[in-house]
Amino acid sequence: MIFEFIFFDGNHRFDDALVDFTLSAEVCPLDGYVVLDDMWMPSIQRTASFIRRNREDFVEATTPIANFAAFERTYKDTPAWDQHIDF
């Protein structure tokens, strides 16, 4: 099953938001989007920072809504098991 648009506005703890993204990425196809809500929250800002720095397969898309961060999947990433960039 795949989902071309994934919007999450769930639990706002960093750990949960990161898990939400990680699981969403598994079902997001090429050219699909994952959108984070509540960018005013530090935990969601940190999640977006992780995506920007560590998920090269997702590119941040422009959105007119300041409270959202949207990421488009541009390719299927197969990172090394030890890949990590501090965020």
PDB file of N, CA and C in Angstrom:
ATOM      1  N   MET A   1       0.844  -1.163   0.000  1.00  0.00           N
ATOM      2  CA  MET A   1       0.000   0.000   0.000  1.00  0.00           C
ATOM      3  C   MET A   1       0.897   1.235   0.000  1.00  0.00           C
ATOM      4  N   ILE A   2       0.546   2.210  -0.819  1.00  0.00           N
ATOM      5  CA  ILE A   2       1.295   3.462  -0.847  1.00  0.00           C
ATOM      6  C   ILE A   2       0.338   4.634  -0.671  1.00  0.00           C
ATOM      7  N   PHE A   3       0.893   5.735  -0.200  1.00  0.00           N
ATOM      8  CA  PHE A   3       0.112   6.939   0.026  1.00  0.00           C
ATOM      9  C   PHE A   3       0.872   8.110  -0.581  1.00  0.00           C
ATOM     10  N   GLU A   4       0.254   8.827  -1.492  1.00  0.00           N
ATOM     11  CA  GLU A   4       0.931   9.912  -2.191  1.00  0.00           C
ATOM     12  C   GLU A   4       0.981  11.201  -1.387  1.00  0.00           C
ATOM     13  N   PHE A   5       0.126  11.330  -0.390  1.00  0.00           N
ATOM     14  CA  PHE A   5       0.120  12.518   0.465  1.00  0.00           C
ATOM     15  C   PHE A   5      -0.104  12.060   1.900  1.00  0.00           C
ATOM     16  N   ILE A   6       0.852  12.352   2.754  1.00  0.00           N
ATOM     17  CA  ILE A   6       0.768  11.932   4.152  1.00  0.00           C
ATOM     18  C   ILE A   6       0.877  13.178   5.019  1.00  0.00           C
ATOM     19  N   PHE A   7      -0.151  13.439   5.797  1.00  0.00           N
ATOM     20  CA  PHE A   7      -0.199  14.605   6.685  1.00  0.00           C
ATOM     21  C   PHE A   7      -0.275  14.094   8.108  1.00  0.00           C
ATOM     22  N   PHE A   8       0.657  14.507   8.934  1.00  0.00           N
ATOM     23  CA  PHE A   8       0.496  14.084  10.305  1.00  0.00           C
ATOM     24  C   PHE A   8       0.532  15.247  11.266  1.00  0.00           C
ATOM     25  N   ASP A   9      -0.389  15.141  12.195  1.00  0.00           N
ATOM     26  CA  ASP A   9      -0.623  16.133  13.238  1.00  0.00           C
ATOM     27  C   ASP A   9      -0.975  15.334  14.489  1.00  0.00           C
ATOM     28  N   GLY A  10      -0.063  14.456  14.871  1.00  0.00           N
ATOM     29  CA  GLY A  10      -0.333  13.531  15.968  1.00  0.00           C
ATOM     30  C   GLY A  10       0.366  13.957  17.238  1.00  0.00           C
ATOM     31  N   ASN A  11       0.954  12.980  17.881  1.00  0.00           N
ATOM     32  CA  ASN A  11       1.687  13.249  19.103  1.00  0.00           C
ATOM     33  C   ASN A  11       2.873  14.146  18.753  1.00  0.00           C
ATOM     34  N   HIS A  12       3.099  15.176  19.515  1.00  0.00           N
ATOM     35  CA  HIS A  12       4.093  16.178  19.152  1.00  0.00           C
ATOM     36  C   HIS A  12       5.432  16.017  19.867  1.00  0.00           C
ATOM     37  N   ARG A  13       5.634  14.902  20.551  1.00  0.00           N
ATOM     38  CA  ARG A  13       6.956  14.653  21.122  1.00  0.00           C
ATOM     39  C   ARG A  13       7.903  14.314  19.978  1.00  0.00           C
ATOM     40  N   PHE A  14       9.157  14.715  20.099  1.00  0.00           N
ATOM     41  CA  PHE A  14      10.128  14.481  19.029  1.00  0.00           C
ATOM     42  C   PHE A  14      10.204  13.012  18.647  1.00  0.00           C
ATOM     43  N   ASP A  15      10.331  12.136  19.643  1.00  0.00           N
ATOM     44  CA  ASP A  15      10.468  10.703  19.359  1.00  0.00           C
ATOM     45  C   ASP A  15       9.308  10.192  18.505  1.00  0.00           C
ATOM     46  N   ASP A  16       8.108  10.584  18.874  1.00  0.00           N
ATOM     47  CA  ASP A  16       6.923  10.109  18.154  1.00  0.00           C
ATOM     48  C   ASP A  16       6.844  10.707  16.754  1.00  0.00           C
ATOM     49  N   ALA A  17       7.178  11.989  16.632  1.00  0.00           N
ATOM     50  CA  ALA A  17       7.143  12.633  15.315  1.00  0.00           C
ATOM     51  C   ALA A  17       8.170  12.002  14.380  1.00  0.00           C
ATOM     52  N   LEU A  18       9.342  11.669  14.901  1.00  0.00           N
ATOM     53  CA  LEU A  18      10.364  11.040  14.078  1.00  0.00           C
ATOM     54  C   LEU A  18       9.936   9.633  13.644  1.00  0.00           C
ATOM     55  N   VAL A  19       9.315   8.902  14.545  1.00  0.00           N
ATOM     56  CA  VAL A  19       8.802   7.575  14.180  1.00  0.00           C
ATOM     57  C   VAL A  19       7.685   7.721  13.143  1.00  0.00           C
ATOM     58  N   ASP A  20       6.795   8.690  13.333  1.00  0.00           N
ATOM     59  CA  ASP A  20       5.734   8.932  12.341  1.00  0.00           C
ATOM     60  C   ASP A  20       6.343   9.169  10.961  1.00  0.00           C
ATOM     61  N   PHE A  21       7.374  10.013  10.902  1.00  0.00           N
ATOM     62  CA  PHE A  21       7.999  10.281   9.609  1.00  0.00           C
ATOM     63  C   PHE A  21       8.646   9.023   9.048  1.00  0.00           C
ATOM     64  N   THR A  22       9.407   8.329   9.864  1.00  0.00           N
ATOM     65  CA  THR A  22      10.134   7.147   9.401  1.00  0.00           C
ATOM     66  C   THR A  22       9.180   6.104   8.822  1.00  0.00           C
ATOM     67  N   LEU A  23       8.078   5.861   9.513  1.00  0.00           N
ATOM     68  CA  LEU A  23       7.103   4.892   9.010  1.00  0.00           C
ATOM     69  C   LEU A  23       6.372   5.428   7.782  1.00  0.00           C
ATOM     70  N   SER A  24       6.094   6.718   7.765  1.00  0.00           N
ATOM     71  CA  SER A  24       5.444   7.319   6.602  1.00  0.00           C
ATOM     72  C   SER A  24       6.331   7.217   5.368  1.00  0.00           C
ATOM     73  N   ALA A  25       7.615   7.406   5.549  1.00  0.00           N
ATOM     74  CA  ALA A  25       8.549   7.340   4.419  1.00  0.00           C
ATOM     75  C   ALA A  25       8.511   5.971   3.751  1.00  0.00           C
ATOM     76  N   GLU A  26       8.233   4.939   4.517  1.00  0.00           N
ATOM     77  CA  GLU A  26       8.188   3.588   3.964  1.00  0.00           C
ATOM     78  C   GLU A  26       7.036   3.383   2.979  1.00  0.00           C
ATOM     79  N   VAL A  27       5.977   4.161   3.111  1.00  0.00           N
ATOM     80  CA  VAL A  27       4.808   4.001   2.238  1.00  0.00           C
ATOM     81  C   VAL A  27       4.607   5.199   1.313  1.00  0.00           C
ATOM     82  N   CYS A  28       5.589   6.090   1.270  1.00  0.00           N
ATOM     83  CA  CYS A  28       5.520   7.280   0.418  1.00  0.00           C
ATOM     84  C   CYS A  28       6.275   6.995  -0.880  1.00  0.00           C
ATOM     85  N   PRO A  29       5.584   7.038  -2.027  1.00  0.00           N
ATOM     86  CA  PRO A  29       6.246   6.737  -3.297  1.00  0.00           C
ATOM     87  C   PRO A  29       7.044   7.932  -3.818  1.00  0.00           C
ATOM     88  N   LEU A  30       7.771   7.721  -4.898  1.00  0.00           N
ATOM     89  CA  LEU A  30       8.429   8.833  -5.572  1.00  0.00           C
ATOM     90  C   LEU A  30       7.385   9.874  -5.950  1.00  0.00           C
ATOM     91  N   ASP A  31       7.719  11.127  -5.777  1.00  0.00           N
ATOM     92  CA  ASP A  31       6.833  12.261  -6.044  1.00  0.00           C
ATOM     93  C   ASP A  31       5.700  12.382  -5.026  1.00  0.00           C
ATOM     94  N   GLY A  32       5.725  11.582  -3.958  1.00  0.00           N
ATOM     95  CA  GLY A  32       4.754  11.705  -2.878  1.00  0.00           C
ATOM     96  C   GLY A  32       5.236  12.731  -1.852  1.00  0.00           C
ATOM     97  N   TYR A  33       4.336  13.123  -0.975  1.00  0.00           N
ATOM     98  CA  TYR A  33       4.648  14.162   0.013  1.00  0.00           C
ATOM     99  C   TYR A  33       4.355  13.690   1.433  1.00  0.00           C
ATOM    100  N   VAL A  34       5.209  14.150   2.347  1.00  0.00           N
ATOM    101  CA  VAL A  34       4.960  14.015   3.776  1.00  0.00           C
ATOM    102  C   VAL A  34       4.926  15.441   4.323  1.00  0.00           C
ATOM    103  N   VAL A  35       3.868  15.778   5.034  1.00  0.00           N
ATOM    104  CA  VAL A  35       3.689  17.136   5.543  1.00  0.00           C
ATOM    105  C   VAL A  35       3.612  17.105   7.064  1.00  0.00           C
ATOM    106  N   LEU A  36       4.415  17.957   7.691  1.00  0.00           N
ATOM    107  CA  LEU A  36       4.411  18.103   9.149  1.00  0.00           C
ATOM    108  C   LEU A  36       3.608  19.339   9.508  1.00  0.00           C
ATOM    109  N   ASP A  37       2.766  19.223  10.503  1.00  0.00           N
ATOM    110  CA  ASP A  37       1.993  20.350  11.015  1.00  0.00           C
ATOM    111  C   ASP A  37       2.623  20.814  12.324  1.00  0.00           C
ATOM    112  N   ASP A  38       2.280  22.027  12.725  1.00  0.00           N
ATOM    113  CA  ASP A  38       2.697  22.612  14.001  1.00  0.00           C
ATOM    114  C   ASP A  38       4.194  22.893  14.059  1.00  0.00           C
ATOM    115  N   MET A  39       4.704  23.538  13.021  1.00  0.00           N
ATOM    116  CA  MET A  39       6.117  23.883  12.965  1.00  0.00           C
ATOM    117  C   MET A  39       6.530  24.894  14.033  1.00  0.00           C
ATOM    118  N   TRP A  40       5.596  25.439  14.749  1.00  0.00           N
ATOM    119  CA  TRP A  40       5.941  26.359  15.839  1.00  0.00           C
ATOM    120  C   TRP A  40       6.502  25.601  17.045  1.00  0.00           C
ATOM    121  N   MET A  41       6.313  24.292  17.073  1.00  0.00           N
ATOM    122  CA  MET A  41       6.764  23.498  18.218  1.00  0.00           C
ATOM    123  C   MET A  41       8.226  23.060  18.018  1.00  0.00           C
ATOM    124  N   PRO A  42       9.074  23.226  19.029  1.00  0.00           N
ATOM    125  CA  PRO A  42      10.478  22.833  18.916  1.00  0.00           C
ATOM    126  C   PRO A  42      10.673  21.367  18.523  1.00  0.00           C
ATOM    127  N   SER A  43       9.824  20.482  19.003  1.00  0.00           N
ATOM    128  CA  SER A  43       9.977  19.057  18.674  1.00  0.00           C
ATOM    129  C   SER A  43       9.728  18.800  17.186  1.00  0.00           C
ATOM    130  N   ILE A  44       8.790  19.518  16.596  1.00  0.00           N
ATOM    131  CA  ILE A  44       8.496  19.351  15.171  1.00  0.00           C
ATOM    132  C   ILE A  44       9.575  20.041  14.332  1.00  0.00           C
ATOM    133  N   GLN A  45      10.074  21.171  14.809  1.00  0.00           N
ATOM    134  CA  GLN A  45      11.194  21.832  14.133  1.00  0.00           C
ATOM    135  C   GLN A  45      12.413  20.907  14.106  1.00  0.00           C
ATOM    136  N   ARG A  46      12.641  20.206  15.188  1.00  0.00           N
ATOM    137  CA  ARG A  46      13.771  19.276  15.278  1.00  0.00           C
ATOM    138  C   ARG A  46      13.570  18.089  14.324  1.00  0.00           C
ATOM    139  N   THR A  47      12.356  17.617  14.213  1.00  0.00           N
ATOM    140  CA  THR A  47      12.054  16.531  13.276  1.00  0.00           C
ATOM    141  C   THR A  47      12.324  16.985  11.846  1.00  0.00           C
ATOM    142  N   ALA A  48      11.864  18.187  11.505  1.00  0.00           N
ATOM    143  CA  ALA A  48      12.110  18.726  10.164  1.00  0.00           C
ATOM    144  C   ALA A  48      13.612  18.885   9.923  1.00  0.00           C
ATOM    145  N   SER A  49      14.341  19.315  10.937  1.00  0.00           N
ATOM    146  CA  SER A  49      15.786  19.452  10.820  1.00  0.00           C
ATOM    147  C   SER A  49      16.439  18.101  10.541  1.00  0.00           C
ATOM    148  N   PHE A  50      15.974  17.061  11.218  1.00  0.00           N
ATOM    149  CA  PHE A  50      16.496  15.713  10.963  1.00  0.00           C
ATOM    150  C   PHE A  50      16.258  15.316   9.516  1.00  0.00           C
ATOM    151  N   ILE A  51      15.051  15.558   9.017  1.00  0.00           N
ATOM    152  CA  ILE A  51      14.720  15.179   7.635  1.00  0.00           C
ATOM    153  C   ILE A  51      15.619  15.934   6.662  1.00  0.00           C
ATOM    154  N   ARG A  52      15.772  17.237   6.871  1.00  0.00           N
ATOM    155  CA  ARG A  52      16.611  18.050   5.978  1.00  0.00           C
ATOM    156  C   ARG A  52      18.056  17.550   5.933  1.00  0.00           C
ATOM    157  N   ARG A  53      18.590  17.156   7.072  1.00  0.00           N
ATOM    158  CA  ARG A  53      20.009  16.804   7.162  1.00  0.00           C
ATOM    159  C   ARG A  53      20.304  15.336   6.885  1.00  0.00           C
ATOM    160  N   ASN A  54      19.326  14.458   7.086  1.00  0.00           N
ATOM    161  CA  ASN A  54      19.598  13.023   7.020  1.00  0.00           C
ATOM    162  C   ASN A  54      18.827  12.262   5.960  1.00  0.00           C
ATOM    163  N   ARG A  55      17.826  12.863   5.371  1.00  0.00           N
ATOM    164  CA  ARG A  55      17.018  12.139   4.378  1.00  0.00           C
ATOM    165  C   ARG A  55      17.141  12.842   3.033  1.00  0.00           C
ATOM    166  N   GLU A  56      18.210  12.532   2.323  1.00  0.00           N
ATOM    167  CA  GLU A  56      18.444  13.145   1.027  1.00  0.00           C
ATOM    168  C   GLU A  56      17.399  12.764  -0.002  1.00  0.00           C
ATOM    169  N   ASP A  57      16.649  11.697   0.275  1.00  0.00           N
ATOM    170  CA  ASP A  57      15.603  11.267  -0.651  1.00  0.00           C
ATOM    171  C   ASP A  57      14.350  12.125  -0.541  1.00  0.00           C
ATOM    172  N   PHE A  58      14.293  13.008   0.450  1.00  0.00           N
ATOM    173  CA  PHE A  58      13.177  13.939   0.618  1.00  0.00           C
ATOM    174  C   PHE A  58      13.700  15.369   0.488  1.00  0.00           C
ATOM    175  N   VAL A  59      13.046  16.149  -0.372  1.00  0.00           N
ATOM    176  CA  VAL A  59      13.422  17.538  -0.590  1.00  0.00           C
ATOM    177  C   VAL A  59      12.305  18.414  -0.052  1.00  0.00           C
ATOM    178  N   GLU A  60      12.675  19.452   0.679  1.00  0.00           N
ATOM    179  CA  GLU A  60      11.649  20.335   1.235  1.00  0.00           C
ATOM    180  C   GLU A  60      10.969  21.105   0.108  1.00  0.00           C
ATOM    181  N   ALA A  61       9.661  21.098   0.136  1.00  0.00           N
ATOM    182  CA  ALA A  61       8.849  21.789  -0.870  1.00  0.00           C
ATOM    183  C   ALA A  61       8.363  23.120  -0.295  1.00  0.00           C
ATOM    184  N   THR A  62       8.175  24.066  -1.161  1.00  0.00           N
ATOM    185  CA  THR A  62       7.654  25.366  -0.747  1.00  0.00           C
ATOM    186  C   THR A  62       6.172  25.233  -0.420  1.00  0.00           C
ATOM    187  N   THR A  63       5.773  25.846   0.689  1.00  0.00           N
ATOM    188  CA  THR A  63       4.357  25.859   1.065  1.00  0.00           C
ATOM    189  C   THR A  63       3.987  27.264   1.525  1.00  0.00           C
ATOM    190  N   PRO A  64       2.790  27.739   1.180  1.00  0.00           N
ATOM    191  CA  PRO A  64       2.389  29.075   1.617  1.00  0.00           C
ATOM    192  C   PRO A  64       1.952  29.114   3.088  1.00  0.00           C
ATOM    193  N   ILE A  65       1.902  27.969   3.715  1.00  0.00           N
ATOM    194  CA  ILE A  65       1.434  27.898   5.101  1.00  0.00           C
ATOM    195  C   ILE A  65       2.648  27.799   6.019  1.00  0.00           C
ATOM    196  N   ALA A  66       2.882  28.832   6.812  1.00  0.00           N
ATOM    197  CA  ALA A  66       4.075  28.911   7.662  1.00  0.00           C
ATOM    198  C   ALA A  66       4.127  27.803   8.707  1.00  0.00           C
ATOM    199  N   ASN A  67       2.999  27.286   9.074  1.00  0.00           N
ATOM    200  CA  ASN A  67       2.922  26.281  10.127  1.00  0.00           C
ATOM    201  C   ASN A  67       3.172  24.861   9.620  1.00  0.00           C
ATOM    202  N   PHE A  68       3.395  24.700   8.309  1.00  0.00           N
ATOM    203  CA  PHE A  68       3.634  23.393   7.703  1.00  0.00           C
ATOM    204  C   PHE A  68       5.068  23.292   7.187  1.00  0.00           C
ATOM    205  N   ALA A  69       5.583  22.087   7.178  1.00  0.00           N
ATOM    206  CA  ALA A  69       6.807  21.762   6.448  1.00  0.00           C
ATOM    207  C   ALA A  69       6.457  20.577   5.556  1.00  0.00           C
ATOM    208  N   ALA A  70       6.672  20.732   4.267  1.00  0.00           N
ATOM    209  CA  ALA A  70       6.326  19.685   3.306  1.00  0.00           C
ATOM    210  C   ALA A  70       7.602  19.142   2.680  1.00  0.00           C
ATOM    211  N   PHE A  71       7.657  17.823   2.562  1.00  0.00           N
ATOM    212  CA  PHE A  71       8.817  17.158   1.981  1.00  0.00           C
ATOM    213  C   PHE A  71       8.360  16.224   0.865  1.00  0.00           C
ATOM    214  N   GLU A  72       8.971  16.382  -0.308  1.00  0.00           N
ATOM    215  CA  GLU A  72       8.650  15.533  -1.458  1.00  0.00           C
ATOM    216  C   GLU A  72       9.719  14.457  -1.599  1.00  0.00           C
ATOM    217  N   ARG A  73       9.282  13.237  -1.823  1.00  0.00           N
ATOM    218  CA  ARG A  73      10.232  12.145  -2.045  1.00  0.00           C
ATOM    219  C   ARG A  73      10.691  12.200  -3.498  1.00  0.00           C
ATOM    220  N   THR A  74      11.993  12.327  -3.689  1.00  0.00           N
ATOM    221  CA  THR A  74      12.530  12.474  -5.036  1.00  0.00           C
ATOM    222  C   THR A  74      13.244  11.222  -5.541  1.00  0.00           C
ATOM    223  N   TYR A  75      13.638  10.325  -4.648  1.00  0.00           N
ATOM    224  CA  TYR A  75      14.214   9.047  -5.046  1.00  0.00           C
ATOM    225  C   TYR A  75      14.172   8.086  -3.869  1.00  0.00           C
ATOM    226  N   LYS A  76      14.414   6.841  -4.132  1.00  0.00           N
ATOM    227  CA  LYS A  76      14.409   5.808  -3.092  1.00  0.00           C
ATOM    228  C   LYS A  76      15.818   5.691  -2.532  1.00  0.00           C
ATOM    229  N   ASP A  77      15.977   6.047  -1.280  1.00  0.00           N
ATOM    230  CA  ASP A  77      17.277   6.053  -0.623  1.00  0.00           C
ATOM    231  C   ASP A  77      17.584   4.683  -0.013  1.00  0.00           C
ATOM    232  N   THR A  78      18.817   4.288  -0.095  1.00  0.00           N
ATOM    233  CA  THR A  78      19.281   3.077   0.582  1.00  0.00           C
ATOM    234  C   THR A  78      20.544   3.445   1.353  1.00  0.00           C
ATOM    235  N   PRO A  79      20.366   4.121   2.506  1.00  0.00           N
ATOM    236  CA  PRO A  79      21.524   4.605   3.249  1.00  0.00           C
ATOM    237  C   PRO A  79      22.307   3.471   3.910  1.00  0.00           C
ATOM    238  N   ALA A  80      23.568   3.761   4.176  1.00  0.00           N
ATOM    239  CA  ALA A  80      24.394   2.824   4.934  1.00  0.00           C
ATOM    240  C   ALA A  80      23.847   2.725   6.354  1.00  0.00           C
ATOM    241  N   TRP A  81      24.069   1.620   6.991  1.00  0.00           N
ATOM    242  CA  TRP A  81      23.534   1.397   8.336  1.00  0.00           C
ATOM    243  C   TRP A  81      24.058   2.416   9.341  1.00  0.00           C
ATOM    244  N   ASP A  82      25.243   2.989   9.092  1.00  0.00           N
ATOM    245  CA  ASP A  82      25.834   3.918  10.057  1.00  0.00           C
ATOM    246  C   ASP A  82      25.748   5.375   9.608  1.00  0.00           C
ATOM    247  N   GLN A  83      24.937   5.644   8.594  1.00  0.00           N
ATOM    248  CA  GLN A  83      24.797   7.024   8.107  1.00  0.00           C
ATOM    249  C   GLN A  83      24.035   7.856   9.126  1.00  0.00           C
ATOM    250  N   HIS A  84      24.612   8.996   9.473  1.00  0.00           N
ATOM    251  CA  HIS A  84      23.928   9.936  10.363  1.00  0.00           C
ATOM    252  C   HIS A  84      24.657  11.265  10.315  1.00  0.00           C
ATOM    253  N   ILE A  85      23.919  12.318  10.186  1.00  0.00           N
ATOM    254  CA  ILE A  85      24.461  13.662  10.258  1.00  0.00           C
ATOM    255  C   ILE A  85      23.764  14.348  11.415  1.00  0.00           C
ATOM    256  N   ASP A  86      24.547  14.961  12.290  1.00  0.00           N
ATOM    257  CA  ASP A  86      23.959  15.630  13.449  1.00  0.00           C
ATOM    258  C   ASP A  86      22.960  16.681  12.988  1.00  0.00           C
ATOM    259  N   PHE A  87      21.897  16.837  13.732  1.00  0.00           N
ATOM    260  CA  PHE A  87      20.858  17.772  13.363  1.00  0.00           C
ATOM    261  C   PHE A  87      20.529  18.668  14.517  1.00  0.00           C
TER     262      PHE A  87
END
